[in-house]
Amino acid sequence: MVQTNSFKGVIPPVSTIVDAQGHLDKVGMKRLIDNLIERGVDGLFFLGTGGEFSQMTLEERKDIAEFTVSAVDGRVPVLIGTGATSTSDVIELNNHASEVGADGVVVINPYYVKLSDENLYQHFSEVARAAKLPVFLYNFPILTGQDLSADMVLQLVNEHDNIVGIKETVKDIGHIRDMIVTVKEQHPDFRILCGFEDLFLNTLSLGGDGIIGATGNFAPEVSIDLYQAFTSGDLHKALELNATLAYLPEIYGLDSPFMNVIKESIVLCGLDVSTAVLAPSRDLSVDKKEKLRTILTKCDLLKS
């Protein structure tokens, strides 16, 4: 198994900061990156769902990958999302991520054409064989329409030692438990990180390794403090922090897709960046901004 000790803890899936014309806002992007690193995150994941990769061309994704790796400058591990509907596009993006100096890639399953289990397995196998970097699988069945089962993941990890972890963006803690019991017990270095904040403490208690949650863009301390409390054995503090963290996913229901919600939260919590999003996403309405403010205030992230 490839050494993956760096891929654990709190790794925010970073919002892509763009201007009103949809171009990368390099000043705002660098400001967000520096802010998150200064606040103590364990890594950064660019061009995930919240990074709006699905609204970009391959060249735009490459430009952002190159800029963000350079901006991080080795201060924390960098994961680049390279998922696509085409296997050849994934391989191309993986090669580019390696060339620009990323530490790993995150590959979501193809999300338009439904694949048989065998074809999905062959897709990931072909990607893994060609990859020059450690590969994280990305399971988000609500959006892709197809789940990555623990048995399939185990089969992939048994065959490809460069598949080193998975982001489990699922609502069922039982799915994460099965992944831990099935895969991690045979491959202890395999990293399992949840995607939803209300499952973070449960994930850790079952033997998981961390979180890749979008609220880390504006409130990373809640997850960081919970992770540190749990790993140091302070379960009372971890439970107190979980009460806040478990309520935060309420914001995801304010709009669909939720990228605008995260960017508005970043600004409400004090960082001056553009809240522009890529179409077909739209700006958050005034009414929904007020609802967002109410949730963040209830979580003690804003003063009432």
Protein backbone atom coordinates (compact mmCIF):
# COMPACT_ATOMS: atom_id res chain seq x y z
CA MET A 1 0.00 0.00 0.00
CA VAL A 2 1.31 3.45 -0.92
CA GLN A 3 2.04 5.53 2.20
CA THR A 4 -0.95 7.79 2.73
CA ASN A 5 -0.39 9.24 6.19
CA SER A 6 -0.66 12.76 4.77
CA PHE A 7 -4.22 12.18 3.58
CA LYS A 8 -6.14 12.39 6.83
CA GLY A 9 -7.76 14.89 9.15
CA VAL A 10 -9.61 17.91 7.79
CA ILE A 11 -9.23 18.48 4.05
CA PRO A 12 -11.69 21.10 2.74
CA PRO A 13 -13.03 20.72 -0.81
CA VAL A 14 -12.09 24.26 -1.77
CA SER A 15 -14.51 26.55 -3.58
CA THR A 16 -13.21 27.91 -6.88
CA ILE A 17 -13.29 31.70 -6.68
CA VAL A 18 -14.31 33.25 -10.01
CA ASP A 19 -15.18 36.75 -11.14
CA ALA A 20 -18.50 37.92 -12.60
CA GLN A 21 -17.40 36.73 -16.06
CA GLY A 22 -16.63 33.23 -14.78
CA HIS A 23 -12.85 33.56 -14.96
CA LEU A 24 -10.57 32.40 -12.16
CA ASP A 25 -10.11 35.18 -9.62
CA LYS A 26 -6.49 34.52 -8.73
CA VAL A 27 -6.34 37.13 -5.97
CA GLY A 28 -9.48 35.80 -4.29
CA MET A 29 -8.43 32.18 -4.80
CA LYS A 30 -5.03 32.79 -3.22
CA ARG A 31 -6.70 34.65 -0.34
CA LEU A 32 -8.92 31.65 0.40
CA ILE A 33 -6.04 29.19 0.13
CA ASP A 34 -3.82 31.20 2.47
CA ASN A 35 -6.68 31.66 4.93
CA LEU A 36 -7.40 27.93 5.14
CA ILE A 37 -3.76 26.98 5.56
CA GLU A 38 -3.29 29.60 8.27
CA ARG A 39 -6.30 28.17 10.11
CA GLY A 40 -4.68 24.75 10.29
CA VAL A 41 -6.28 22.43 7.72
CA ASP A 42 -4.51 19.15 6.99
CA GLY A 43 -4.77 19.39 3.20
CA LEU A 44 -6.76 20.95 0.37
CA PHE A 45 -8.92 19.34 -2.30
CA PHE A 46 -9.48 21.39 -5.45
CA LEU A 47 -11.94 20.85 -8.30
CA GLY A 48 -14.39 18.71 -6.44
CA THR A 49 -18.15 19.12 -6.59
CA GLY A 50 -18.03 22.40 -4.66
CA GLY A 51 -15.14 23.49 -6.85
CA GLU A 52 -17.55 23.49 -9.81
CA PHE A 53 -15.43 21.20 -11.99
CA SER A 54 -18.50 19.95 -13.86
CA GLN A 55 -19.11 23.42 -15.31
CA MET A 56 -15.57 23.75 -16.71
CA THR A 57 -13.65 22.75 -19.81
CA LEU A 58 -10.63 20.48 -19.48
CA GLU A 59 -8.33 23.43 -20.13
CA GLU A 60 -9.99 25.50 -17.42
CA ARG A 61 -9.57 22.62 -14.99
CA LYS A 62 -5.90 22.30 -15.89
CA ASP A 63 -5.31 26.03 -15.43
CA ILE A 64 -6.93 25.95 -11.99
CA ALA A 65 -5.02 22.84 -10.97
CA GLU A 66 -1.72 24.44 -11.94
CA PHE A 67 -2.53 27.72 -10.18
CA THR A 68 -3.72 26.12 -6.95
CA VAL A 69 -0.78 23.74 -6.63
CA SER A 70 1.56 26.69 -7.13
CA ALA A 71 -0.36 28.84 -4.64
CA VAL A 72 -0.24 26.14 -1.95
CA ASP A 73 3.51 25.81 -2.58
CA GLY A 74 3.95 22.60 -0.62
CA ARG A 75 2.52 23.89 2.65
CA VAL A 76 -0.12 21.14 2.84
CA PRO A 77 -0.92 18.11 0.66
CA VAL A 78 -2.98 18.91 -2.44
CA LEU A 79 -5.61 16.67 -4.01
CA ILE A 80 -6.98 17.50 -7.47
CA GLY A 81 -10.37 16.31 -8.66
CA THR A 82 -10.04 14.64 -12.06
CA GLY A 83 -13.33 12.81 -12.47
CA ALA A 84 -15.05 12.92 -15.86
CA THR A 85 -17.54 11.02 -17.98
CA SER A 86 -14.70 9.84 -20.25
CA THR A 87 -11.96 7.50 -19.05
CA SER A 88 -9.44 9.13 -21.40
CA ASP A 89 -10.26 12.57 -19.96
CA VAL A 90 -9.63 11.30 -16.44
CA ILE A 91 -6.26 9.90 -17.48
CA GLU A 92 -5.34 13.16 -19.21
CA LEU A 93 -6.24 15.19 -16.13
CA ASN A 94 -4.38 12.76 -13.85
CA ASN A 95 -1.24 13.12 -15.95
CA HIS A 96 -1.55 16.89 -15.82
CA ALA A 97 -2.02 16.87 -12.03
CA SER A 98 1.19 14.87 -11.74
CA GLU A 99 3.06 17.26 -14.03
CA VAL A 100 2.09 20.34 -11.99
CA GLY A 101 3.06 18.77 -8.67
CA ALA A 102 -0.16 17.64 -6.98
CA ASP A 103 0.08 15.01 -4.24
CA GLY A 104 -2.90 12.93 -5.32
CA VAL A 105 -6.03 12.82 -7.47
CA VAL A 106 -9.68 12.27 -6.59
CA VAL A 107 -11.80 10.40 -9.14
CA ILE A 108 -15.59 10.35 -9.04
CA ASN A 109 -17.32 7.70 -11.12
CA PRO A 110 -18.74 8.68 -14.51
CA TYR A 111 -21.98 10.53 -13.79
CA TYR A 112 -24.11 10.45 -16.94
CA VAL A 113 -24.14 7.03 -18.60
CA LYS A 114 -25.00 4.31 -16.09
CA LEU A 115 -22.34 1.60 -16.14
CA SER A 116 -22.57 -2.03 -15.23
CA ASP A 117 -20.51 -2.98 -12.18
CA GLU A 118 -17.98 -4.64 -14.45
CA ASN A 119 -17.63 -1.59 -16.69
CA LEU A 120 -17.32 0.70 -13.66
CA TYR A 121 -14.62 -1.59 -12.26
CA GLN A 122 -12.74 -1.55 -15.56
CA HIS A 123 -12.98 2.26 -15.69
CA PHE A 124 -11.28 2.64 -12.31
CA SER A 125 -8.77 -0.09 -13.12
CA GLU A 126 -7.72 1.62 -16.34
CA VAL A 127 -7.41 4.93 -14.51
CA ALA A 128 -5.34 3.37 -11.72
CA ARG A 129 -2.99 1.57 -14.11
CA ALA A 130 -2.21 4.84 -15.88
CA ALA A 131 -1.98 7.03 -12.77
CA LYS A 132 1.35 8.44 -11.59
CA LEU A 133 -0.13 9.76 -8.35
CA PRO A 134 -2.05 8.19 -5.46
CA VAL A 135 -5.74 7.84 -6.38
CA PHE A 136 -8.69 8.59 -4.12
CA LEU A 137 -12.06 7.23 -5.14
CA TYR A 138 -15.01 9.59 -4.73
CA ASN A 139 -18.39 8.09 -3.91
CA PHE A 140 -21.31 10.53 -4.26
CA PRO A 141 -24.27 8.36 -5.34
CA ILE A 142 -26.85 11.12 -4.87
CA LEU A 143 -25.24 12.97 -7.79
CA THR A 144 -23.76 10.16 -9.87
CA GLY A 145 -26.71 7.80 -9.56
CA GLN A 146 -24.39 4.87 -8.88
CA ASP A 147 -22.87 3.68 -5.61
CA LEU A 148 -19.38 2.34 -5.07
CA SER A 149 -19.88 -0.75 -2.94
CA ALA A 150 -17.39 -1.84 -0.32
CA ASP A 151 -16.86 -5.14 -2.17
CA MET A 152 -15.98 -3.34 -5.41
CA VAL A 153 -13.63 -0.97 -3.61
CA LEU A 154 -11.89 -3.89 -1.91
CA GLN A 155 -11.45 -5.62 -5.25
CA LEU A 156 -9.94 -2.43 -6.71
CA VAL A 157 -7.59 -1.90 -3.76
CA ASN A 158 -6.49 -5.54 -3.84
CA GLU A 159 -5.49 -5.12 -7.48
CA HIS A 160 -4.14 -1.55 -7.46
CA ASP A 161 -1.97 -0.44 -4.57
CA ASN A 162 -2.05 3.18 -5.77
CA ILE A 163 -5.77 3.44 -4.89
CA VAL A 164 -5.20 4.78 -1.41
CA GLY A 165 -8.49 6.12 -0.11
CA ILE A 166 -12.09 7.14 -0.69
CA LYS A 167 -14.25 10.17 -0.07
CA GLU A 168 -17.59 8.81 1.12
CA THR A 169 -20.23 11.47 0.45
CA VAL A 170 -23.11 9.31 1.62
CA LYS A 171 -25.87 9.90 4.15
CA ASP A 172 -25.80 6.38 5.59
CA ILE A 173 -23.19 5.75 8.30
CA GLY A 174 -23.76 2.05 7.67
CA HIS A 175 -22.17 2.45 4.25
CA ILE A 176 -19.08 4.01 5.81
CA ARG A 177 -18.99 1.25 8.44
CA ASP A 178 -19.10 -1.40 5.71
CA MET A 179 -16.28 0.35 3.86
CA ILE A 180 -14.15 0.40 7.02
CA VAL A 181 -14.89 -3.21 7.95
CA THR A 182 -14.51 -4.57 4.41
CA VAL A 183 -11.55 -2.53 3.09
CA LYS A 184 -9.67 -0.94 5.95
CA GLU A 185 -9.40 -4.10 8.02
CA GLN A 186 -7.47 -5.70 5.16
CA HIS A 187 -5.65 -2.51 4.17
CA PRO A 188 -5.07 -0.44 7.33
CA ASP A 189 -3.40 2.43 5.43
CA PHE A 190 -6.45 2.89 3.18
CA ARG A 191 -7.98 6.26 4.05
CA ILE A 192 -11.73 6.69 4.49
CA LEU A 193 -12.97 10.27 4.78
CA CYS A 194 -16.63 11.26 5.04
CA GLY A 195 -18.18 14.06 3.02
CA PHE A 196 -21.02 15.14 5.33
CA GLU A 197 -20.34 16.91 8.60
CA ASP A 198 -23.04 15.15 10.63
CA LEU A 199 -21.26 11.82 10.07
CA PHE A 200 -17.76 13.01 10.97
CA LEU A 201 -17.67 11.92 14.62
CA ASN A 202 -19.31 8.59 13.79
CA THR A 203 -16.78 8.05 11.01
CA LEU A 204 -13.88 8.63 13.39
CA SER A 205 -15.40 6.40 16.07
CA LEU A 206 -15.67 3.54 13.57
CA GLY A 207 -12.03 3.87 12.53
CA GLY A 208 -12.25 6.36 9.67
CA ASP A 209 -9.63 8.98 8.98
CA GLY A 210 -11.17 12.41 8.48
CA ILE A 211 -13.52 14.64 6.55
CA ILE A 212 -13.68 16.37 3.19
CA GLY A 213 -16.64 18.63 3.95
CA ALA A 214 -17.58 21.91 2.28
CA THR A 215 -18.12 23.79 5.56
CA GLY A 216 -14.35 23.59 5.94
CA ASN A 217 -14.22 26.53 3.53
CA PHE A 218 -15.59 28.91 6.16
CA ALA A 219 -15.59 27.08 9.52
CA PRO A 220 -12.62 24.70 9.46
CA GLU A 221 -11.93 25.14 13.18
CA VAL A 222 -15.06 23.21 14.16
CA SER A 223 -13.90 20.11 12.28
CA ILE A 224 -10.24 20.60 13.20
CA ASP A 225 -11.04 20.95 16.90
CA LEU A 226 -13.32 17.92 16.81
CA TYR A 227 -10.66 15.84 15.06
CA GLN A 228 -8.00 16.88 17.55
CA ALA A 229 -10.30 16.30 20.51
CA PHE A 230 -11.20 12.81 19.30
CA THR A 231 -7.62 11.79 18.51
CA SER A 232 -6.43 13.07 21.89
CA GLY A 233 -9.17 11.17 23.73
CA ASP A 234 -11.24 14.17 24.81
CA LEU A 235 -14.58 12.66 23.89
CA HIS A 236 -16.58 15.19 25.94
CA LYS A 237 -15.21 18.06 23.86
CA ALA A 238 -15.70 16.08 20.65
CA LEU A 239 -19.37 15.57 21.50
CA GLU A 240 -19.82 19.27 22.24
CA LEU A 241 -18.31 20.23 18.89
CA ASN A 242 -20.38 17.58 17.13
CA ALA A 243 -23.54 19.36 18.24
CA THR A 244 -22.49 22.32 16.08
CA LEU A 245 -21.08 20.30 13.22
CA ALA A 246 -24.13 18.05 12.98
CA TYR A 247 -26.41 21.04 12.39
CA LEU A 248 -24.31 22.73 9.70
CA PRO A 249 -25.48 20.49 6.81
CA GLU A 250 -28.79 22.37 7.02
CA ILE A 251 -27.17 24.89 4.68
CA TYR A 252 -26.92 22.34 1.86
CA GLY A 253 -30.69 22.34 1.51
CA LEU A 254 -30.93 26.07 0.88
CA ASP A 255 -30.26 25.77 -2.85
CA SER A 256 -29.28 23.28 -5.52
CA PRO A 257 -26.51 23.17 -6.46
CA PHE A 258 -25.06 24.45 -3.20
CA MET A 259 -21.86 26.17 -4.43
CA ASN A 260 -23.44 29.60 -3.98
CA VAL A 261 -24.32 28.78 -0.37
CA ILE A 262 -20.71 27.94 0.48
CA LYS A 263 -19.33 31.09 -1.14
CA GLU A 264 -21.86 33.29 0.64
CA SER A 265 -20.91 31.56 3.91
CA ILE A 266 -17.23 32.34 3.31
CA VAL A 267 -18.06 36.03 2.98
CA LEU A 268 -20.50 36.09 5.91
CA CYS A 269 -17.79 34.53 8.08
CA GLY A 270 -15.41 37.37 7.26
CA LEU A 271 -13.32 36.62 4.17
CA ASP A 272 -13.63 39.06 1.28
CA VAL A 273 -13.93 36.99 -1.91
CA SER A 274 -16.21 36.94 -4.93
CA THR A 275 -19.41 34.92 -4.52
CA ALA A 276 -19.90 34.53 -8.28
CA VAL A 277 -20.73 31.01 -9.47
CA LEU A 278 -20.59 29.24 -12.82
CA ALA A 279 -23.83 28.70 -14.74
CA PRO A 280 -26.12 26.89 -14.49
CA SER A 281 -25.63 27.76 -10.82
CA ARG A 282 -27.09 31.12 -9.86
CA ASP A 283 -26.51 33.71 -7.15
CA LEU A 284 -28.20 33.00 -3.84
CA SER A 285 -31.44 34.95 -3.38
CA VAL A 286 -31.84 37.59 -0.67
CA ASP A 287 -34.36 35.41 1.16
CA LYS A 288 -32.02 32.42 1.17
CA LYS A 289 -29.13 34.59 2.33
CA GLU A 290 -31.17 35.51 5.38
CA LYS A 291 -31.93 31.85 6.06
CA LEU A 292 -28.22 31.10 5.73
CA ARG A 293 -27.38 33.87 8.18
CA THR A 294 -29.86 32.38 10.66
CA ILE A 295 -28.26 28.92 10.45
CA LEU A 296 -24.73 30.26 10.82
CA THR A 297 -25.78 32.37 13.78
CA LYS A 298 -27.40 29.37 15.44
CA CYS A 299 -24.09 27.52 15.01
CA ASP A 300 -22.27 30.41 16.74
CA LEU A 301 -20.35 31.23 13.57
CA LEU A 302 -21.88 34.72 13.36
CA LYS A 303 -22.87 37.23 15.98
CA SER A 304 -26.62 37.75 16.21
